[in-house]
Amino acid sequence: MPEHKPPDTLMLGTIHTPLEVELHGGVAGRRSGGVSEYFYSKPGEVSTAYPCYNTIIGALLRTRKIEMSISHIVRLSDSPLVEEVKHGRTERAATTIRPAECCWHLVLIRYNGGAELRIVGPLTIATPLSYPEGAELLWIKFRLGAFMPRLPLKSFLDTEKSLPDATSQSFWLDGSTWQYPSYENADTFVEWLVRKEILVSDPVVKAALQGQPQEVADRTLRHRFLRATGLTQKQIQQFQRAQLAWTLLQQGVSILDTVEEAGYFDQPHLTRALKHWLGHTPAQIVRMEKTAVIL
């Protein structure tokens, strides 16, 4: 491994340097030329919002000028197996809460002259996240149902593991050396993984996620979900329901109405779910919305 190995606490982040931004429906960001930029805060300076329907929806700002922790740009991918590709840099060290995530990622970290590619598995609970200043990051987020058969996702659940490096610019995967991908060539990199049958997709899982009935036994479907996502279908549904509840609260729907619309039994049930999956209670989410001021 490189002499200057990235710290174990470094993971998924998103953000920009001091800058004036405007709040658009609760989303701080801008879009230009097909590229979206979303801005997140340093804890204690502004409140942070979390993913909804697998899309980062932004930050709630208390002030117009703020110092941001991470800058990044994000784009969609040409690959049907990839949801998005992001490239960013940590502008300062910070700690925040990372929400749960059903999708897995490849994350390339460049820090203090070293490089490391990590497989970041699905996350089943919100956890604290810390990162240092000066790290360059590339995220490739894979769609549900895309997986590497020889690297079972269940072994990456709630964890991340580094792929062995070959040189300063390459790593080992499936018995071969690969050049580290970049923001510009990530789609080509993924295409080669597919050609070599290192990366595949399960059509049954994809169809089931779209609500299409499957003519397979329940036990078989469960096995295919665990193999292709590392999660059960029920876990994915619970996560998506928590995301829906977050969106409803962000849109101003009352807590009690959110309980009904998102399909929870009662308010304590909603509270437990949001705290588990997204790291905040409904009341905290509502308070964050109330502090957001359009300047």
C-alpha atoms as a PDB file:
ATOM      1  CA  MET A   1       0.000   0.000   0.000  1.00  0.00           C
ATOM      2  CA  PRO A   2       1.125   3.625  -0.436  1.00  0.00           C
ATOM      3  CA  GLU A   3       3.188   5.056   2.393  1.00  0.00           C
ATOM      4  CA  HIS A   4       0.544   7.699   3.105  1.00  0.00           C
ATOM      5  CA  LYS A   5      -2.565   5.563   3.381  1.00  0.00           C
ATOM      6  CA  PRO A   6      -5.934   7.347   3.518  1.00  0.00           C
ATOM      7  CA  PRO A   7      -7.476   7.155   6.987  1.00  0.00           C
ATOM      8  CA  ASP A   8     -10.116   4.533   7.694  1.00  0.00           C
ATOM      9  CA  THR A   9     -12.640   7.213   8.618  1.00  0.00           C
ATOM     10  CA  LEU A  10     -12.532   8.825   5.171  1.00  0.00           C
ATOM     11  CA  MET A  11     -15.621   8.029   3.153  1.00  0.00           C
ATOM     12  CA  LEU A  12     -18.420   9.396   1.061  1.00  0.00           C
ATOM     13  CA  GLY A  13     -18.674  13.162   1.165  1.00  0.00           C
ATOM     14  CA  THR A  14     -19.984  16.024  -0.934  1.00  0.00           C
ATOM     15  CA  ILE A  15     -19.383  19.836  -0.769  1.00  0.00           C
ATOM     16  CA  HIS A  16     -17.673  23.266  -1.845  1.00  0.00           C
ATOM     17  CA  THR A  17     -15.511  26.129  -0.574  1.00  0.00           C
ATOM     18  CA  PRO A  18     -16.773  29.431   0.967  1.00  0.00           C
ATOM     19  CA  LEU A  19     -19.338  30.732  -1.426  1.00  0.00           C
ATOM     20  CA  GLU A  20     -22.670  32.488  -1.671  1.00  0.00           C
ATOM     21  CA  VAL A  21     -25.465  30.081  -2.512  1.00  0.00           C
ATOM     22  CA  GLU A  22     -29.209  30.303  -2.683  1.00  0.00           C
ATOM     23  CA  LEU A  23     -31.720  27.837  -1.335  1.00  0.00           C
ATOM     24  CA  HIS A  24     -34.038  26.364  -3.984  1.00  0.00           C
ATOM     25  CA  GLY A  25     -36.847  24.408  -2.383  1.00  0.00           C
ATOM     26  CA  GLY A  26     -34.536  23.239   0.382  1.00  0.00           C
ATOM     27  CA  VAL A  27     -31.718  22.374  -1.999  1.00  0.00           C
ATOM     28  CA  ALA A  28     -28.547  24.394  -1.995  1.00  0.00           C
ATOM     29  CA  GLY A  29     -26.845  23.966  -5.321  1.00  0.00           C
ATOM     30  CA  ARG A  30     -26.658  24.811  -8.978  1.00  0.00           C
ATOM     31  CA  ARG A  31     -26.942  22.967 -12.271  1.00  0.00           C
ATOM     32  CA  SER A  32     -25.107  23.841 -15.461  1.00  0.00           C
ATOM     33  CA  GLY A  33     -24.341  21.898 -18.603  1.00  0.00           C
ATOM     34  CA  GLY A  34     -25.767  18.664 -17.236  1.00  0.00           C
ATOM     35  CA  VAL A  35     -23.590  18.805 -14.125  1.00  0.00           C
ATOM     36  CA  SER A  36     -25.132  19.391 -10.716  1.00  0.00           C
ATOM     37  CA  GLU A  37     -23.260  20.720  -7.697  1.00  0.00           C
ATOM     38  CA  TYR A  38     -24.700  20.235  -4.215  1.00  0.00           C
ATOM     39  CA  PHE A  39     -23.329  21.857  -1.105  1.00  0.00           C
ATOM     40  CA  TYR A  40     -23.055  20.394   2.375  1.00  0.00           C
ATOM     41  CA  SER A  41     -22.024  21.978   5.618  1.00  0.00           C
ATOM     42  CA  LYS A  42     -19.569  21.574   8.402  1.00  0.00           C
ATOM     43  CA  PRO A  43     -21.509  20.328  11.459  1.00  0.00           C
ATOM     44  CA  GLY A  44     -22.356  23.171  13.802  1.00  0.00           C
ATOM     45  CA  GLU A  45     -22.455  25.752  11.012  1.00  0.00           C
ATOM     46  CA  VAL A  46     -25.428  24.577   8.993  1.00  0.00           C
ATOM     47  CA  SER A  47     -27.804  21.637   9.032  1.00  0.00           C
ATOM     48  CA  THR A  48     -27.371  18.736   6.643  1.00  0.00           C
ATOM     49  CA  ALA A  49     -29.976  16.984   4.513  1.00  0.00           C
ATOM     50  CA  TYR A  50     -29.627  13.419   3.291  1.00  0.00           C
ATOM     51  CA  PRO A  51     -30.287  11.259   0.236  1.00  0.00           C
ATOM     52  CA  CYS A  52     -33.817  10.742  -0.970  1.00  0.00           C
ATOM     53  CA  TYR A  53     -34.703   8.288  -3.716  1.00  0.00           C
ATOM     54  CA  ASN A  54     -30.977   7.776  -4.201  1.00  0.00           C
ATOM     55  CA  THR A  55     -30.383  11.471  -4.992  1.00  0.00           C
ATOM     56  CA  ILE A  56     -28.553  13.919  -2.760  1.00  0.00           C
ATOM     57  CA  ILE A  57     -31.055  16.704  -2.101  1.00  0.00           C
ATOM     58  CA  GLY A  58     -28.899  19.323  -0.490  1.00  0.00           C
ATOM     59  CA  ALA A  59     -28.253  21.322   2.641  1.00  0.00           C
ATOM     60  CA  LEU A  60     -30.371  23.618   4.774  1.00  0.00           C
ATOM     61  CA  LEU A  61     -28.565  26.927   5.153  1.00  0.00           C
ATOM     62  CA  ARG A  62     -28.757  29.372   8.065  1.00  0.00           C
ATOM     63  CA  THR A  63     -26.393  31.934   6.563  1.00  0.00           C
ATOM     64  CA  ARG A  64     -25.628  33.125   3.063  1.00  0.00           C
ATOM     65  CA  LYS A  65     -21.846  32.887   3.432  1.00  0.00           C
ATOM     66  CA  ILE A  66     -20.639  29.603   4.865  1.00  0.00           C
ATOM     67  CA  GLU A  67     -17.431  27.578   4.853  1.00  0.00           C
ATOM     68  CA  MET A  68     -17.985  24.245   3.226  1.00  0.00           C
ATOM     69  CA  SER A  69     -16.235  20.970   4.021  1.00  0.00           C
ATOM     70  CA  ILE A  70     -16.150  19.182   0.666  1.00  0.00           C
ATOM     71  CA  SER A  71     -16.606  20.269  -2.937  1.00  0.00           C
ATOM     72  CA  HIS A  72     -17.856  17.949  -5.631  1.00  0.00           C
ATOM     73  CA  ILE A  73     -19.437  17.673  -9.038  1.00  0.00           C
ATOM     74  CA  VAL A  74     -21.779  14.840  -9.982  1.00  0.00           C
ATOM     75  CA  ARG A  75     -23.030  13.480 -13.289  1.00  0.00           C
ATOM     76  CA  LEU A  76     -25.187  10.668 -14.549  1.00  0.00           C
ATOM     77  CA  SER A  77     -23.551   7.697 -16.220  1.00  0.00           C
ATOM     78  CA  ASP A  78     -23.962   6.195 -19.672  1.00  0.00           C
ATOM     79  CA  SER A  79     -23.804   2.745 -18.076  1.00  0.00           C
ATOM     80  CA  PRO A  80     -27.144   1.142 -17.105  1.00  0.00           C
ATOM     81  CA  LEU A  81     -25.353  -0.359 -14.098  1.00  0.00           C
ATOM     82  CA  VAL A  82     -24.183   2.970 -12.656  1.00  0.00           C
ATOM     83  CA  GLU A  83     -26.417   5.547 -11.012  1.00  0.00           C
ATOM     84  CA  GLU A  84     -23.955   8.432 -10.842  1.00  0.00           C
ATOM     85  CA  VAL A  85     -20.301   9.431 -10.826  1.00  0.00           C
ATOM     86  CA  LYS A  86     -18.913  12.091  -8.485  1.00  0.00           C
ATOM     87  CA  HIS A  87     -15.577  13.808  -8.113  1.00  0.00           C
ATOM     88  CA  GLY A  88     -14.636  15.996  -5.184  1.00  0.00           C
ATOM     89  CA  ARG A  89     -12.122  17.221  -2.656  1.00  0.00           C
ATOM     90  CA  THR A  90     -12.262  17.698   1.099  1.00  0.00           C
ATOM     91  CA  GLU A  91     -11.602  21.368   1.810  1.00  0.00           C
ATOM     92  CA  ARG A  92     -11.336  20.926   5.577  1.00  0.00           C
ATOM     93  CA  ALA A  93     -11.585  18.185   8.181  1.00  0.00           C
ATOM     94  CA  ALA A  94     -15.097  17.601   9.488  1.00  0.00           C
ATOM     95  CA  THR A  95     -17.418  15.101  11.155  1.00  0.00           C
ATOM     96  CA  THR A  96     -21.046  14.494  10.263  1.00  0.00           C
ATOM     97  CA  ILE A  97     -23.683  11.745  10.197  1.00  0.00           C
ATOM     98  CA  ARG A  98     -23.710   9.455   7.190  1.00  0.00           C
ATOM     99  CA  PRO A  99     -27.138   8.040   6.354  1.00  0.00           C
ATOM    100  CA  ALA A 100     -27.745   4.428   5.420  1.00  0.00           C
ATOM    101  CA  GLU A 101     -27.336   3.560   1.740  1.00  0.00           C
ATOM    102  CA  CYS A 102     -28.648   0.587  -0.248  1.00  0.00           C
ATOM    103  CA  CYS A 103     -26.269   0.995  -3.174  1.00  0.00           C
ATOM    104  CA  TRP A 104     -22.602   0.089  -3.091  1.00  0.00           C
ATOM    105  CA  HIS A 105     -19.755   2.246  -4.403  1.00  0.00           C
ATOM    106  CA  LEU A 106     -16.233   2.134  -5.707  1.00  0.00           C
ATOM    107  CA  VAL A 107     -14.406   5.024  -4.038  1.00  0.00           C
ATOM    108  CA  LEU A 108     -10.965   6.165  -5.201  1.00  0.00           C
ATOM    109  CA  ILE A 109      -9.147   8.165  -2.531  1.00  0.00           C
ATOM    110  CA  ARG A 110      -6.018  10.186  -3.246  1.00  0.00           C
ATOM    111  CA  TYR A 111      -4.421  11.576  -0.102  1.00  0.00           C
ATOM    112  CA  ASN A 112      -0.906  12.799   0.743  1.00  0.00           C
ATOM    113  CA  GLY A 113       0.527  11.391  -2.482  1.00  0.00           C
ATOM    114  CA  GLY A 114      -1.059   7.943  -2.119  1.00  0.00           C
ATOM    115  CA  ALA A 115      -4.020   6.338  -3.888  1.00  0.00           C
ATOM    116  CA  GLU A 116      -6.426   3.664  -2.755  1.00  0.00           C
ATOM    117  CA  LEU A 117      -9.550   2.140  -4.295  1.00  0.00           C
ATOM    118  CA  ARG A 118     -12.181   0.913  -1.856  1.00  0.00           C
ATOM    119  CA  ILE A 119     -15.328  -1.115  -2.231  1.00  0.00           C
ATOM    120  CA  VAL A 120     -17.880   0.526   0.032  1.00  0.00           C
ATOM    121  CA  GLY A 121     -20.740  -1.832   0.754  1.00  0.00           C
ATOM    122  CA  PRO A 122     -24.391  -1.120   1.499  1.00  0.00           C
ATOM    123  CA  LEU A 123     -24.967   0.627   4.824  1.00  0.00           C
ATOM    124  CA  THR A 124     -27.879  -0.542   6.958  1.00  0.00           C
ATOM    125  CA  ILE A 125     -27.711   2.155   9.643  1.00  0.00           C
ATOM    126  CA  ALA A 126     -26.765   5.836   9.916  1.00  0.00           C
ATOM    127  CA  THR A 127     -23.289   6.257  11.411  1.00  0.00           C
ATOM    128  CA  PRO A 128     -20.830   9.077  12.231  1.00  0.00           C
ATOM    129  CA  LEU A 129     -18.438  10.007   9.436  1.00  0.00           C
ATOM    130  CA  SER A 130     -15.143  11.871   9.712  1.00  0.00           C
ATOM    131  CA  TYR A 131     -12.758  12.947   6.967  1.00  0.00           C
ATOM    132  CA  PRO A 132      -9.482  14.909   6.798  1.00  0.00           C
ATOM    133  CA  GLU A 133      -8.574  17.966   4.789  1.00  0.00           C
ATOM    134  CA  GLY A 134      -6.988  17.651   1.362  1.00  0.00           C
ATOM    135  CA  ALA A 135      -8.285  14.311   0.072  1.00  0.00           C
ATOM    136  CA  GLU A 136      -9.354  13.929  -3.563  1.00  0.00           C
ATOM    137  CA  LEU A 137     -12.301  11.566  -4.041  1.00  0.00           C
ATOM    138  CA  LEU A 138     -13.969   9.744  -6.913  1.00  0.00           C
ATOM    139  CA  TRP A 139     -17.252   7.915  -6.277  1.00  0.00           C
ATOM    140  CA  ILE A 140     -18.860   5.427  -8.674  1.00  0.00           C
ATOM    141  CA  LYS A 141     -22.307   4.563  -7.349  1.00  0.00           C
ATOM    142  CA  PHE A 142     -23.789   1.336  -8.726  1.00  0.00           C
ATOM    143  CA  ARG A 143     -27.467   0.699  -9.235  1.00  0.00           C
ATOM    144  CA  LEU A 144     -29.291  -1.880  -7.181  1.00  0.00           C
ATOM    145  CA  GLY A 145     -28.883  -5.277  -8.828  1.00  0.00           C
ATOM    146  CA  ALA A 146     -25.365  -4.626 -10.176  1.00  0.00           C
ATOM    147  CA  PHE A 147     -22.683  -6.692  -8.451  1.00  0.00           C
ATOM    148  CA  MET A 148     -19.361  -8.514  -8.811  1.00  0.00           C
ATOM    149  CA  PRO A 149     -19.996 -12.279  -8.539  1.00  0.00           C
ATOM    150  CA  ARG A 150     -16.511 -13.007  -7.189  1.00  0.00           C
ATOM    151  CA  LEU A 151     -16.787 -10.287  -4.538  1.00  0.00           C
ATOM    152  CA  PRO A 152     -20.082 -11.031  -2.710  1.00  0.00           C
ATOM    153  CA  LEU A 153     -21.743  -7.880  -1.435  1.00  0.00           C
ATOM    154  CA  LYS A 154     -22.785  -9.588   1.776  1.00  0.00           C
ATOM    155  CA  SER A 155     -19.109  -9.570   2.778  1.00  0.00           C
ATOM    156  CA  PHE A 156     -19.059  -5.777   2.365  1.00  0.00           C
ATOM    157  CA  LEU A 157     -22.220  -5.054   4.325  1.00  0.00           C
ATOM    158  CA  ASP A 158     -21.726  -2.059   6.651  1.00  0.00           C
ATOM    159  CA  THR A 159     -18.035  -1.949   5.836  1.00  0.00           C
ATOM    160  CA  GLU A 160     -15.492  -0.961   3.211  1.00  0.00           C
ATOM    161  CA  LYS A 161     -12.438  -2.821   1.975  1.00  0.00           C
ATOM    162  CA  SER A 162      -9.442  -1.743  -0.070  1.00  0.00           C
ATOM    163  CA  LEU A 163      -8.452  -3.449  -3.304  1.00  0.00           C
ATOM    164  CA  PRO A 164      -4.702  -4.262  -3.380  1.00  0.00           C
ATOM    165  CA  ASP A 165      -2.610  -1.686  -5.224  1.00  0.00           C
ATOM    166  CA  ALA A 166      -0.251  -2.756  -8.013  1.00  0.00           C
ATOM    167  CA  THR A 167       1.528   0.556  -8.704  1.00  0.00           C
ATOM    168  CA  SER A 168       0.865   4.168  -7.806  1.00  0.00           C
ATOM    169  CA  GLN A 169      -1.598   4.299 -10.705  1.00  0.00           C
ATOM    170  CA  SER A 170      -3.106   0.808 -10.735  1.00  0.00           C
ATOM    171  CA  PHE A 171      -4.694  -1.893  -8.591  1.00  0.00           C
ATOM    172  CA  TRP A 172      -5.391  -5.619  -8.631  1.00  0.00           C
ATOM    173  CA  LEU A 173      -8.854  -6.988  -9.415  1.00  0.00           C
ATOM    174  CA  ASP A 174      -9.806 -10.516 -10.450  1.00  0.00           C
ATOM    175  CA  GLY A 175      -6.207 -11.515 -11.086  1.00  0.00           C
ATOM    176  CA  SER A 176      -5.383  -8.557 -13.359  1.00  0.00           C
ATOM    177  CA  THR A 177      -4.052  -5.050 -12.930  1.00  0.00           C
ATOM    178  CA  TRP A 178      -6.329  -2.115 -13.730  1.00  0.00           C
ATOM    179  CA  GLN A 179      -5.596   1.567 -14.087  1.00  0.00           C
ATOM    180  CA  TYR A 180      -7.368   3.716 -11.523  1.00  0.00           C
ATOM    181  CA  PRO A 181     -10.499   5.226 -13.088  1.00  0.00           C
ATOM    182  CA  SER A 182     -11.074   8.969 -13.394  1.00  0.00           C
ATOM    183  CA  TYR A 183     -14.167  11.151 -13.429  1.00  0.00           C
ATOM    184  CA  GLU A 184     -13.877  11.403 -17.213  1.00  0.00           C
ATOM    185  CA  ASN A 185     -13.299   7.712 -18.048  1.00  0.00           C
ATOM    186  CA  ALA A 186     -15.395   6.047 -15.321  1.00  0.00           C
ATOM    187  CA  ASP A 187     -17.984   4.861 -17.869  1.00  0.00           C
ATOM    188  CA  THR A 188     -15.288   3.228 -20.002  1.00  0.00           C
ATOM    189  CA  PHE A 189     -13.829   1.617 -16.883  1.00  0.00           C
ATOM    190  CA  VAL A 190     -17.245   0.152 -15.983  1.00  0.00           C
ATOM    191  CA  GLU A 191     -17.774  -1.006 -19.573  1.00  0.00           C
ATOM    192  CA  TRP A 192     -14.552  -3.017 -19.404  1.00  0.00           C
ATOM    193  CA  LEU A 193     -15.631  -4.555 -16.097  1.00  0.00           C
ATOM    194  CA  VAL A 194     -18.826  -5.691 -17.833  1.00  0.00           C
ATOM    195  CA  ARG A 195     -16.941  -7.035 -20.875  1.00  0.00           C
ATOM    196  CA  LYS A 196     -14.693  -9.094 -18.618  1.00  0.00           C
ATOM    197  CA  GLU A 197     -17.814 -10.327 -16.745  1.00  0.00           C
ATOM    198  CA  ILE A 198     -16.413  -8.938 -13.516  1.00  0.00           C
ATOM    199  CA  LEU A 199     -19.508  -6.757 -13.132  1.00  0.00           C
ATOM    200  CA  VAL A 200     -22.971  -8.126 -13.900  1.00  0.00           C
ATOM    201  CA  SER A 201     -26.605  -7.328 -13.190  1.00  0.00           C
ATOM    202  CA  ASP A 202     -29.475  -9.546 -12.062  1.00  0.00           C
ATOM    203  CA  PRO A 203     -32.557  -8.869 -14.252  1.00  0.00           C
ATOM    204  CA  VAL A 204     -34.875 -10.642 -11.803  1.00  0.00           C
ATOM    205  CA  VAL A 205     -33.836  -8.336  -8.970  1.00  0.00           C
ATOM    206  CA  LYS A 206     -34.123  -5.287 -11.225  1.00  0.00           C
ATOM    207  CA  ALA A 207     -37.642  -6.284 -12.272  1.00  0.00           C
ATOM    208  CA  ALA A 208     -38.694  -7.031  -8.691  1.00  0.00           C
ATOM    209  CA  LEU A 209     -37.470  -3.589  -7.594  1.00  0.00           C
ATOM    210  CA  GLN A 210     -39.740  -2.104 -10.261  1.00  0.00           C
ATOM    211  CA  GLY A 211     -42.705  -3.951  -8.799  1.00  0.00           C
ATOM    212  CA  GLN A 212     -42.975  -6.536 -11.568  1.00  0.00           C
ATOM    213  CA  PRO A 213     -44.176  -9.979 -10.378  1.00  0.00           C
ATOM    214  CA  GLN A 214     -41.565 -12.714 -10.629  1.00  0.00           C
ATOM    215  CA  GLU A 215     -42.237 -16.359 -11.377  1.00  0.00           C
ATOM    216  CA  VAL A 216     -39.658 -17.618  -8.914  1.00  0.00           C
ATOM    217  CA  ALA A 217     -40.003 -19.065  -5.439  1.00  0.00           C
ATOM    218  CA  ASP A 218     -39.789 -16.609  -2.531  1.00  0.00           C
ATOM    219  CA  ARG A 219     -36.704 -18.382  -1.254  1.00  0.00           C
ATOM    220  CA  THR A 220     -35.025 -18.066  -4.659  1.00  0.00           C
ATOM    221  CA  LEU A 221     -35.904 -14.378  -4.911  1.00  0.00           C
ATOM    222  CA  ARG A 222     -34.504 -13.743  -1.439  1.00  0.00           C
ATOM    223  CA  HIS A 223     -31.264 -15.487  -2.379  1.00  0.00           C
ATOM    224  CA  ARG A 224     -30.949 -13.424  -5.564  1.00  0.00           C
ATOM    225  CA  PHE A 225     -31.502 -10.182  -3.643  1.00  0.00           C
ATOM    226  CA  LEU A 226     -28.832 -11.092  -1.114  1.00  0.00           C
ATOM    227  CA  ARG A 227     -26.395 -12.008  -3.882  1.00  0.00           C
ATOM    228  CA  ALA A 228     -27.060  -8.934  -6.060  1.00  0.00           C
ATOM    229  CA  THR A 229     -27.527  -6.261  -3.373  1.00  0.00           C
ATOM    230  CA  GLY A 230     -26.280  -7.679  -0.072  1.00  0.00           C
ATOM    231  CA  LEU A 231     -29.712  -6.836   1.343  1.00  0.00           C
ATOM    232  CA  THR A 232     -33.165  -8.355   1.527  1.00  0.00           C
ATOM    233  CA  GLN A 233     -35.969  -6.835  -0.476  1.00  0.00           C
ATOM    234  CA  LYS A 234     -37.645  -5.868   2.800  1.00  0.00           C
ATOM    235  CA  GLN A 235     -34.577  -3.917   3.951  1.00  0.00           C
ATOM    236  CA  ILE A 236     -34.525  -1.985   0.680  1.00  0.00           C
ATOM    237  CA  GLN A 237     -38.229  -1.200   1.011  1.00  0.00           C
ATOM    238  CA  GLN A 238     -37.742   0.016   4.589  1.00  0.00           C
ATOM    239  CA  PHE A 239     -34.926   2.296   3.486  1.00  0.00           C
ATOM    240  CA  GLN A 240     -36.955   3.701   0.591  1.00  0.00           C
ATOM    241  CA  ARG A 241     -39.901   4.317   2.903  1.00  0.00           C
ATOM    242  CA  ALA A 242     -37.639   6.276   5.264  1.00  0.00           C
ATOM    243  CA  GLN A 243     -36.445   8.332   2.289  1.00  0.00           C
ATOM    244  CA  LEU A 244     -40.050   9.023   1.344  1.00  0.00           C
ATOM    245  CA  ALA A 245     -40.824  10.156   4.885  1.00  0.00           C
ATOM    246  CA  TRP A 246     -37.819  12.497   4.814  1.00  0.00           C
ATOM    247  CA  THR A 247     -39.098  14.032   1.566  1.00  0.00           C
ATOM    248  CA  LEU A 248     -42.600  14.511   2.930  1.00  0.00           C
ATOM    249  CA  LEU A 249     -41.289  16.241   6.041  1.00  0.00           C
ATOM    250  CA  GLN A 250     -38.998  18.398   3.933  1.00  0.00           C
ATOM    251  CA  GLN A 251     -41.985  19.429   1.833  1.00  0.00           C
ATOM    252  CA  GLY A 252     -43.843  20.612   4.919  1.00  0.00           C
ATOM    253  CA  VAL A 253     -46.112  17.614   5.491  1.00  0.00           C
ATOM    254  CA  SER A 254     -46.899  17.256   9.198  1.00  0.00           C
ATOM    255  CA  ILE A 255     -45.378  14.426  11.202  1.00  0.00           C
ATOM    256  CA  LEU A 256     -48.745  12.746  11.733  1.00  0.00           C
ATOM    257  CA  ASP A 257     -49.656  12.992   8.048  1.00  0.00           C
ATOM    258  CA  THR A 258     -46.216  11.645   7.148  1.00  0.00           C
ATOM    259  CA  VAL A 259     -46.888   8.633   9.370  1.00  0.00           C
ATOM    260  CA  GLU A 260     -50.006   7.880   7.325  1.00  0.00           C
ATOM    261  CA  GLU A 261     -48.675   8.713   3.851  1.00  0.00           C
ATOM    262  CA  ALA A 262     -45.432   6.780   4.279  1.00  0.00           C
ATOM    263  CA  GLY A 263     -47.219   3.764   5.782  1.00  0.00           C
ATOM    264  CA  TYR A 264     -45.899   3.730   9.351  1.00  0.00           C
ATOM    265  CA  PHE A 265     -47.924   2.332  12.257  1.00  0.00           C
ATOM    266  CA  ASP A 266     -47.575   5.404  14.460  1.00  0.00           C
ATOM    267  CA  GLN A 267     -45.236   8.288  15.261  1.00  0.00           C
ATOM    268  CA  PRO A 268     -42.816   6.217  17.400  1.00  0.00           C
ATOM    269  CA  HIS A 269     -42.497   3.780  14.491  1.00  0.00           C
ATOM    270  CA  LEU A 270     -41.620   6.674  12.144  1.00  0.00           C
ATOM    271  CA  THR A 271     -39.158   8.104  14.661  1.00  0.00           C
ATOM    272  CA  ARG A 272     -37.325   4.804  15.096  1.00  0.00           C
ATOM    273  CA  ALA A 273     -37.096   4.280  11.354  1.00  0.00           C
ATOM    274  CA  LEU A 274     -35.757   7.736  10.515  1.00  0.00           C
ATOM    275  CA  LYS A 275     -33.276   7.663  13.380  1.00  0.00           C
ATOM    276  CA  HIS A 276     -32.044   4.247  12.264  1.00  0.00           C
ATOM    277  CA  TRP A 277     -31.811   4.842   8.513  1.00  0.00           C
ATOM    278  CA  LEU A 278     -31.133   8.593   8.240  1.00  0.00           C
ATOM    279  CA  GLY A 279     -29.739   9.567  11.636  1.00  0.00           C
ATOM    280  CA  HIS A 280     -32.405  12.134  12.592  1.00  0.00           C
ATOM    281  CA  THR A 281     -35.820  12.104  14.221  1.00  0.00           C
ATOM    282  CA  PRO A 282     -38.866  13.634  12.493  1.00  0.00           C
ATOM    283  CA  ALA A 283     -38.799  16.575  14.902  1.00  0.00           C
ATOM    284  CA  GLN A 284     -35.138  17.251  14.070  1.00  0.00           C
ATOM    285  CA  ILE A 285     -35.905  17.177  10.346  1.00  0.00           C
ATOM    286  CA  VAL A 286     -38.787  19.619  10.802  1.00  0.00           C
ATOM    287  CA  ARG A 287     -36.597  21.958  12.853  1.00  0.00           C
ATOM    288  CA  MET A 288     -33.928  21.891  10.155  1.00  0.00           C
ATOM    289  CA  GLU A 289     -36.540  22.885   7.604  1.00  0.00           C
ATOM    290  CA  LYS A 290     -37.743  25.757   9.767  1.00  0.00           C
ATOM    291  CA  THR A 291     -34.207  27.137  10.070  1.00  0.00           C
ATOM    292  CA  ALA A 292     -33.802  27.276   6.298  1.00  0.00           C
ATOM    293  CA  VAL A 293     -34.199  30.871   5.134  1.00  0.00           C
ATOM    294  CA  ILE A 294     -34.260  31.909   1.499  1.00  0.00           C
ATOM    295  CA  LEU A 295     -32.060  34.988   1.239  1.00  0.00           C
END
